[in-house]
PDB file of N, CA and C in Angstrom:
ATOM      1  N   UNK A   1      22.060  28.545  -1.488  1.00  0.00           N
ATOM      2  CA  UNK A   1      21.777  29.157  -2.249  1.00  0.00           C
ATOM      3  C   UNK A   1      22.045  26.728  -2.626  1.00  0.00           C
ATOM      4  N   UNK A   2      22.636  25.865  -2.411  1.00  0.00           N
ATOM      5  CA  UNK A   2      23.025  24.761  -2.531  1.00  0.00           C
ATOM      6  C   UNK A   2      21.343  23.867  -1.339  1.00  0.00           C
ATOM      7  N   UNK A   3      21.071  24.602  -0.856  1.00  0.00           N
ATOM      8  CA  UNK A   3      19.438  24.520  -0.160  1.00  0.00           C
ATOM      9  C   UNK A   3      18.236  23.915  -0.926  1.00  0.00           C
ATOM     10  N   UNK A   4      18.550  25.487  -1.594  1.00  0.00           N
ATOM     11  CA  UNK A   4      17.683  25.788  -2.328  1.00  0.00           C
ATOM     12  C   UNK A   4      16.997  24.798  -3.902  1.00  0.00           C
ATOM     13  N   UNK A   5      18.431  25.126  -4.416  1.00  0.00           N
ATOM     14  CA  UNK A   5      18.781  23.418  -5.355  1.00  0.00           C
ATOM     15  C   UNK A   5      17.983  22.677  -5.127  1.00  0.00           C
ATOM     16  N   UNK A   6      18.669  21.906  -3.964  1.00  0.00           N
ATOM     17  CA  UNK A   6      18.083  20.585  -3.495  1.00  0.00           C
ATOM     18  C   UNK A   6      16.554  20.368  -3.798  1.00  0.00           C
ATOM     19  N   UNK A   7      15.874  21.479  -2.284  1.00  0.00           N
ATOM     20  CA  UNK A   7      14.728  21.570  -2.844  1.00  0.00           C
ATOM     21  C   UNK A   7      14.057  21.591  -3.752  1.00  0.00           C
ATOM     22  N   UNK A   8      14.157  22.017  -4.997  1.00  0.00           N
ATOM     23  CA  UNK A   8      13.996  22.014  -6.521  1.00  0.00           C
ATOM     24  C   UNK A   8      14.580  20.680  -6.784  1.00  0.00           C
ATOM     25  N   UNK A   9      15.389  20.514  -7.146  1.00  0.00           N
ATOM     26  CA  UNK A   9      15.338  18.625  -7.085  1.00  0.00           C
ATOM     27  C   UNK A   9      14.944  17.538  -6.533  1.00  0.00           C
ATOM     28  N   UNK A  10      14.680  17.597  -5.240  1.00  0.00           N
ATOM     29  CA  UNK A  10      13.935  16.586  -4.784  1.00  0.00           C
ATOM     30  C   UNK A  10      12.180  16.791  -5.582  1.00  0.00           C
ATOM     31  N   UNK A  11      11.648  17.921  -5.553  1.00  0.00           N
ATOM     32  CA  UNK A  11      10.500  18.710  -5.784  1.00  0.00           C
ATOM     33  C   UNK A  11      10.414  17.622  -7.693  1.00  0.00           C
ATOM     34  N   UNK A  12      11.291  17.878  -8.645  1.00  0.00           N
ATOM     35  CA  UNK A  12      11.171  17.383  -9.922  1.00  0.00           C
ATOM     36  C   UNK A  12      11.714  16.068  -9.511  1.00  0.00           C
ATOM     37  N   UNK A  13      12.306  15.605  -8.821  1.00  0.00           N
ATOM     38  CA  UNK A  13      12.510  13.490  -8.686  1.00  0.00           C
ATOM     39  C   UNK A  13      11.012  13.734  -8.475  1.00  0.00           C
ATOM     40  N   UNK A  14      10.069  14.172  -7.596  1.00  0.00           N
ATOM     41  CA  UNK A  14       8.815  13.622  -7.049  1.00  0.00           C
ATOM     42  C   UNK A  14       7.571  13.500  -7.969  1.00  0.00           C
ATOM     43  N   UNK A  15       8.155  14.786  -8.670  1.00  0.00           N
ATOM     44  CA  UNK A  15       6.658  14.947 -10.408  1.00  0.00           C
ATOM     45  C   UNK A  15       7.168  14.011 -11.158  1.00  0.00           C
ATOM     46  N   UNK A  16       7.809  13.591 -11.444  1.00  0.00           N
ATOM     47  CA  UNK A  16       8.588  12.652 -12.577  1.00  0.00           C
ATOM     48  C   UNK A  16       7.898  11.453 -12.241  1.00  0.00           C
ATOM     49  N   UNK A  17       8.081  10.679 -10.753  1.00  0.00           N
ATOM     50  CA  UNK A  17       7.455   8.910 -11.183  1.00  0.00           C
ATOM     51  C   UNK A  17       6.144   8.902 -10.878  1.00  0.00           C
ATOM     52  N   UNK A  18       5.147  10.344 -10.382  1.00  0.00           N
ATOM     53  CA  UNK A  18       4.132  10.847 -11.126  1.00  0.00           C
ATOM     54  C   UNK A  18       3.320  11.096 -12.204  1.00  0.00           C
ATOM     55  N   UNK A  19       3.861  11.340 -12.152  1.00  0.00           N
ATOM     56  CA  UNK A  19       3.734  12.193 -14.317  1.00  0.00           C
ATOM     57  C   UNK A  19       3.905  10.596 -15.052  1.00  0.00           C
ATOM     58  N   UNK A  20       5.004   9.054 -14.866  1.00  0.00           N
ATOM     59  CA  UNK A  20       4.721   8.567 -16.106  1.00  0.00           C
ATOM     60  C   UNK A  20       4.578   7.979 -15.401  1.00  0.00           C
ATOM     61  N   UNK A  21       3.676   7.462 -13.629  1.00  0.00           N
ATOM     62  CA  UNK A  21       2.049   6.256 -13.583  1.00  0.00           C
ATOM     63  C   UNK A  21       1.388   6.749 -14.059  1.00  0.00           C
ATOM     64  N   UNK A  22       0.523   8.483 -14.036  1.00  0.00           N
ATOM     65  CA  UNK A  22      -0.665   9.304 -14.983  1.00  0.00           C
ATOM     66  C   UNK A  22      -0.467   8.874 -16.468  1.00  0.00           C
ATOM     67  N   UNK A  23       1.177   8.891 -17.558  1.00  0.00           N
ATOM     68  CA  UNK A  23       1.084   8.875 -18.039  1.00  0.00           C
ATOM     69  C   UNK A  23       0.562   7.476 -18.666  1.00  0.00           C
ATOM     70  N   UNK A  24       0.909   6.319 -18.537  1.00  0.00           N
ATOM     71  CA  UNK A  24       0.776   5.202 -18.336  1.00  0.00           C
ATOM     72  C   UNK A  24      -1.359   4.865 -18.175  1.00  0.00           C
ATOM     73  N   UNK A  25      -1.674   5.022 -17.550  1.00  0.00           N
ATOM     74  CA  UNK A  25      -3.196   5.235 -17.297  1.00  0.00           C
ATOM     75  C   UNK A  25      -4.007   5.486 -18.263  1.00  0.00           C
ATOM     76  N   UNK A  26      -3.302   7.092 -18.349  1.00  0.00           N
ATOM     77  CA  UNK A  26      -4.134   7.934 -19.671  1.00  0.00           C
ATOM     78  C   UNK A  26      -3.652   7.387 -21.641  1.00  0.00           C
ATOM     79  N   UNK A  27      -2.400   6.631 -21.558  1.00  0.00           N
ATOM     80  CA  UNK A  27      -1.943   5.790 -22.786  1.00  0.00           C
ATOM     81  C   UNK A  27      -2.706   4.523 -22.893  1.00  0.00           C
ATOM     82  N   UNK A  28      -3.016   3.458 -21.665  1.00  0.00           N
ATOM     83  CA  UNK A  28      -3.416   2.162 -22.196  1.00  0.00           C
ATOM     84  C   UNK A  28      -4.544   2.405 -21.511  1.00  0.00           C
ATOM     85  N   UNK A  29      -5.548   3.449 -21.422  1.00  0.00           N
ATOM     86  CA  UNK A  29      -6.883   4.026 -21.150  1.00  0.00           C
ATOM     87  C   UNK A  29      -7.807   3.122 -19.981  1.00  0.00           C
ATOM     88  N   UNK A  30      -6.489   3.050 -19.055  1.00  0.00           N
ATOM     89  CA  UNK A  30      -6.791   2.451 -18.320  1.00  0.00           C
ATOM     90  C   UNK A  30      -6.351   1.225 -17.931  1.00  0.00           C
ATOM     91  N   UNK A  31      -6.505   0.301 -18.690  1.00  0.00           N
ATOM     92  CA  UNK A  31      -5.866  -0.751 -18.523  1.00  0.00           C
ATOM     93  C   UNK A  31      -4.902  -1.204 -17.155  1.00  0.00           C
ATOM     94  N   UNK A  32      -4.663  -2.506 -17.045  1.00  0.00           N
ATOM     95  CA  UNK A  32      -3.683  -3.376 -16.567  1.00  0.00           C
ATOM     96  C   UNK A  32      -2.700  -2.982 -16.426  1.00  0.00           C
ATOM     97  N   UNK A  33      -2.199  -3.006 -15.779  1.00  0.00           N
ATOM     98  CA  UNK A  33      -0.289  -2.311 -15.549  1.00  0.00           C
ATOM     99  C   UNK A  33       0.428  -3.416 -16.234  1.00  0.00           C
ATOM    100  N   UNK A  34       1.902  -3.460 -16.926  1.00  0.00           N
ATOM    101  CA  UNK A  34       2.626  -4.497 -17.120  1.00  0.00           C
ATOM    102  C   UNK A  34       3.636  -4.579 -16.361  1.00  0.00           C
ATOM    103  N   UNK A  35       4.514  -5.502 -16.202  1.00  0.00           N
ATOM    104  CA  UNK A  35       5.695  -5.583 -15.591  1.00  0.00           C
ATOM    105  C   UNK A  35       6.877  -4.221 -15.767  1.00  0.00           C
ATOM    106  N   UNK A  36       6.715  -4.014 -16.855  1.00  0.00           N
ATOM    107  CA  UNK A  36       7.018  -2.949 -17.318  1.00  0.00           C
ATOM    108  C   UNK A  36       6.764  -1.296 -17.318  1.00  0.00           C
ATOM    109  N   UNK A  37       5.751  -1.301 -16.600  1.00  0.00           N
ATOM    110  CA  UNK A  37       5.387  -0.229 -16.284  1.00  0.00           C
ATOM    111  C   UNK A  37       5.543   0.232 -15.022  1.00  0.00           C
ATOM    112  N   UNK A  38       5.569  -0.919 -13.357  1.00  0.00           N
ATOM    113  CA  UNK A  38       5.877  -0.752 -12.627  1.00  0.00           C
ATOM    114  C   UNK A  38       7.260  -0.855 -12.762  1.00  0.00           C
ATOM    115  N   UNK A  39       8.442  -1.206 -13.862  1.00  0.00           N
ATOM    116  CA  UNK A  39       9.906  -1.482 -13.356  1.00  0.00           C
ATOM    117  C   UNK A  39       9.736   0.103 -13.825  1.00  0.00           C
ATOM    118  N   UNK A  40       9.691   0.771 -14.792  1.00  0.00           N
ATOM    119  CA  UNK A  40      10.157   2.060 -15.154  1.00  0.00           C
ATOM    120  C   UNK A  40       9.437   3.625 -14.304  1.00  0.00           C
ATOM    121  N   UNK A  41       8.363   3.405 -13.263  1.00  0.00           N
ATOM    122  CA  UNK A  41       7.787   3.462 -12.514  1.00  0.00           C
ATOM    123  C   UNK A  41       8.899   4.062 -11.028  1.00  0.00           C
ATOM    124  N   UNK A  42       9.579   2.723 -11.371  1.00  0.00           N
ATOM    125  CA  UNK A  42      10.029   2.296 -10.020  1.00  0.00           C
ATOM    126  C   UNK A  42      11.298   3.211 -10.126  1.00  0.00           C
ATOM    127  N   UNK A  43      11.935   2.422 -11.167  1.00  0.00           N
ATOM    128  CA  UNK A  43      13.056   3.320 -11.956  1.00  0.00           C
ATOM    129  C   UNK A  43      13.302   5.168 -11.621  1.00  0.00           C
ATOM    130  N   UNK A  44      11.968   5.739 -11.545  1.00  0.00           N
ATOM    131  CA  UNK A  44      11.792   6.719 -11.942  1.00  0.00           C
ATOM    132  C   UNK A  44      12.448   7.620 -10.917  1.00  0.00           C
ATOM    133  N   UNK A  45      11.985   6.638  -9.293  1.00  0.00           N
ATOM    134  CA  UNK A  45      12.404   6.860  -8.126  1.00  0.00           C
ATOM    135  C   UNK A  45      13.862   6.951  -7.411  1.00  0.00           C
ATOM    136  N   UNK A  46      14.331   6.455  -8.528  1.00  0.00           N
ATOM    137  CA  UNK A  46      15.753   6.576  -8.224  1.00  0.00           C
ATOM    138  C   UNK A  46      16.417   7.700  -8.380  1.00  0.00           C
ATOM    139  N   UNK A  47      16.649   8.396  -9.045  1.00  0.00           N
ATOM    140  CA  UNK A  47      17.331  10.581  -8.879  1.00  0.00           C
ATOM    141  C   UNK A  47      16.492  10.784  -7.488  1.00  0.00           C
ATOM    142  N   UNK A  48      15.269  10.303  -6.955  1.00  0.00           N
ATOM    143  CA  UNK A  48      14.785  10.683  -6.051  1.00  0.00           C
ATOM    144  C   UNK A  48      16.048  10.158  -4.718  1.00  0.00           C
ATOM    145  N   UNK A  49      16.187   9.324  -4.533  1.00  0.00           N
ATOM    146  CA  UNK A  49      16.735   8.524  -3.423  1.00  0.00           C
ATOM    147  C   UNK A  49      18.341   9.026  -3.943  1.00  0.00           C
ATOM    148  N   UNK A  50      18.799   9.666  -4.943  1.00  0.00           N
ATOM    149  CA  UNK A  50      20.129  10.383  -4.560  1.00  0.00           C
ATOM    150  C   UNK A  50      20.105  11.702  -4.399  1.00  0.00           C
ATOM    151  N   UNK A  51      19.328  11.852  -4.615  1.00  0.00           N
ATOM    152  CA  UNK A  51      19.159  13.887  -3.947  1.00  0.00           C
ATOM    153  C   UNK A  51      19.246  13.241  -2.325  1.00  0.00           C
ATOM    154  N   UNK A  52      18.321  13.077  -2.279  1.00  0.00           N
ATOM    155  CA  UNK A  52      17.568  13.036  -0.354  1.00  0.00           C
ATOM    156  C   UNK A  52      19.438  12.250   0.001  1.00  0.00           C
ATOM    157  N   UNK A  53      20.159  11.370  -0.710  1.00  0.00           N
ATOM    158  CA  UNK A  53      21.477  10.971  -0.175  1.00  0.00           C
ATOM    159  C   UNK A  53      22.175  12.129  -0.455  1.00  0.00           C
ATOM    160  N   UNK A  54      22.125  12.413  -1.156  1.00  0.00           N
ATOM    161  CA  UNK A  54      23.454  13.871  -1.385  1.00  0.00           C
ATOM    162  C   UNK A  54      22.970  15.147  -0.299  1.00  0.00           C
ATOM    163  N   UNK A  55      21.356  14.750  -0.045  1.00  0.00           N
ATOM    164  CA  UNK A  55      21.280  16.360   1.311  1.00  0.00           C
ATOM    165  C   UNK A  55      21.288  15.845   2.267  1.00  0.00           C
ATOM    166  N   UNK A  56      21.392  14.438   2.762  1.00  0.00           N
ATOM    167  CA  UNK A  56      21.480  13.919   3.963  1.00  0.00           C
ATOM    168  C   UNK A  56      23.163  14.124   4.357  1.00  0.00           C
ATOM    169  N   UNK A  57      24.175  13.812   3.337  1.00  0.00           N
ATOM    170  CA  UNK A  57      25.854  13.813   3.039  1.00  0.00           C
ATOM    171  C   UNK A  57      26.032  15.351   3.426  1.00  0.00           C
ATOM    172  N   UNK A  58      25.670  16.341   2.852  1.00  0.00           N
ATOM    173  CA  UNK A  58      25.269  17.268   2.597  1.00  0.00           C
ATOM    174  C   UNK A  58      25.747  18.369   4.436  1.00  0.00           C
ATOM    175  N   UNK A  59      23.980  18.314   4.595  1.00  0.00           N
ATOM    176  CA  UNK A  59      23.697  18.683   5.370  1.00  0.00           C
ATOM    177  C   UNK A  59      23.410  17.663   7.285  1.00  0.00           C
ATOM    178  N   UNK A  60      23.623  16.308   6.666  1.00  0.00           N
ATOM    179  CA  UNK A  60      23.451  15.591   8.400  1.00  0.00           C
ATOM    180  C   UNK A  60      21.995  15.717   8.946  1.00  0.00           C
ATOM    181  N   UNK A  61      21.924  14.606   9.456  1.00  0.00           N
ATOM    182  CA  UNK A  61      20.750  14.555  10.172  1.00  0.00           C
ATOM    183  C   UNK A  61      20.231  15.361  11.026  1.00  0.00           C
ATOM    184  N   UNK A  62      19.571  16.811  10.647  1.00  0.00           N
ATOM    185  CA  UNK A  62      19.048  17.342  12.039  1.00  0.00           C
ATOM    186  C   UNK A  62      17.936  17.967  12.233  1.00  0.00           C
ATOM    187  N   UNK A  63      17.134  18.287  13.550  1.00  0.00           N
ATOM    188  CA  UNK A  63      16.475  18.201  13.789  1.00  0.00           C
ATOM    189  C   UNK A  63      16.056  19.278  14.068  1.00  0.00           C
ATOM    190  N   UNK A  64      14.893  20.103  13.516  1.00  0.00           N
ATOM    191  CA  UNK A  64      13.973  21.331  13.158  1.00  0.00           C
ATOM    192  C   UNK A  64      13.318  21.447  12.544  1.00  0.00           C
TER     193      UNK A  64
END
């Protein structure tokens, strides 16, 4: 159960930064990004890092 939840959270955490990235491209009609665009996209990766840390703490490093 917890493993499936972590996989779901990983999937959502990967989709969000990609969605933000493409939203900025569509909204700005392909213009250059500003610092704020890169910062927002980068900050959206924080939930992914948190989920990966939780997964590592709960399951440890296993070679399977």
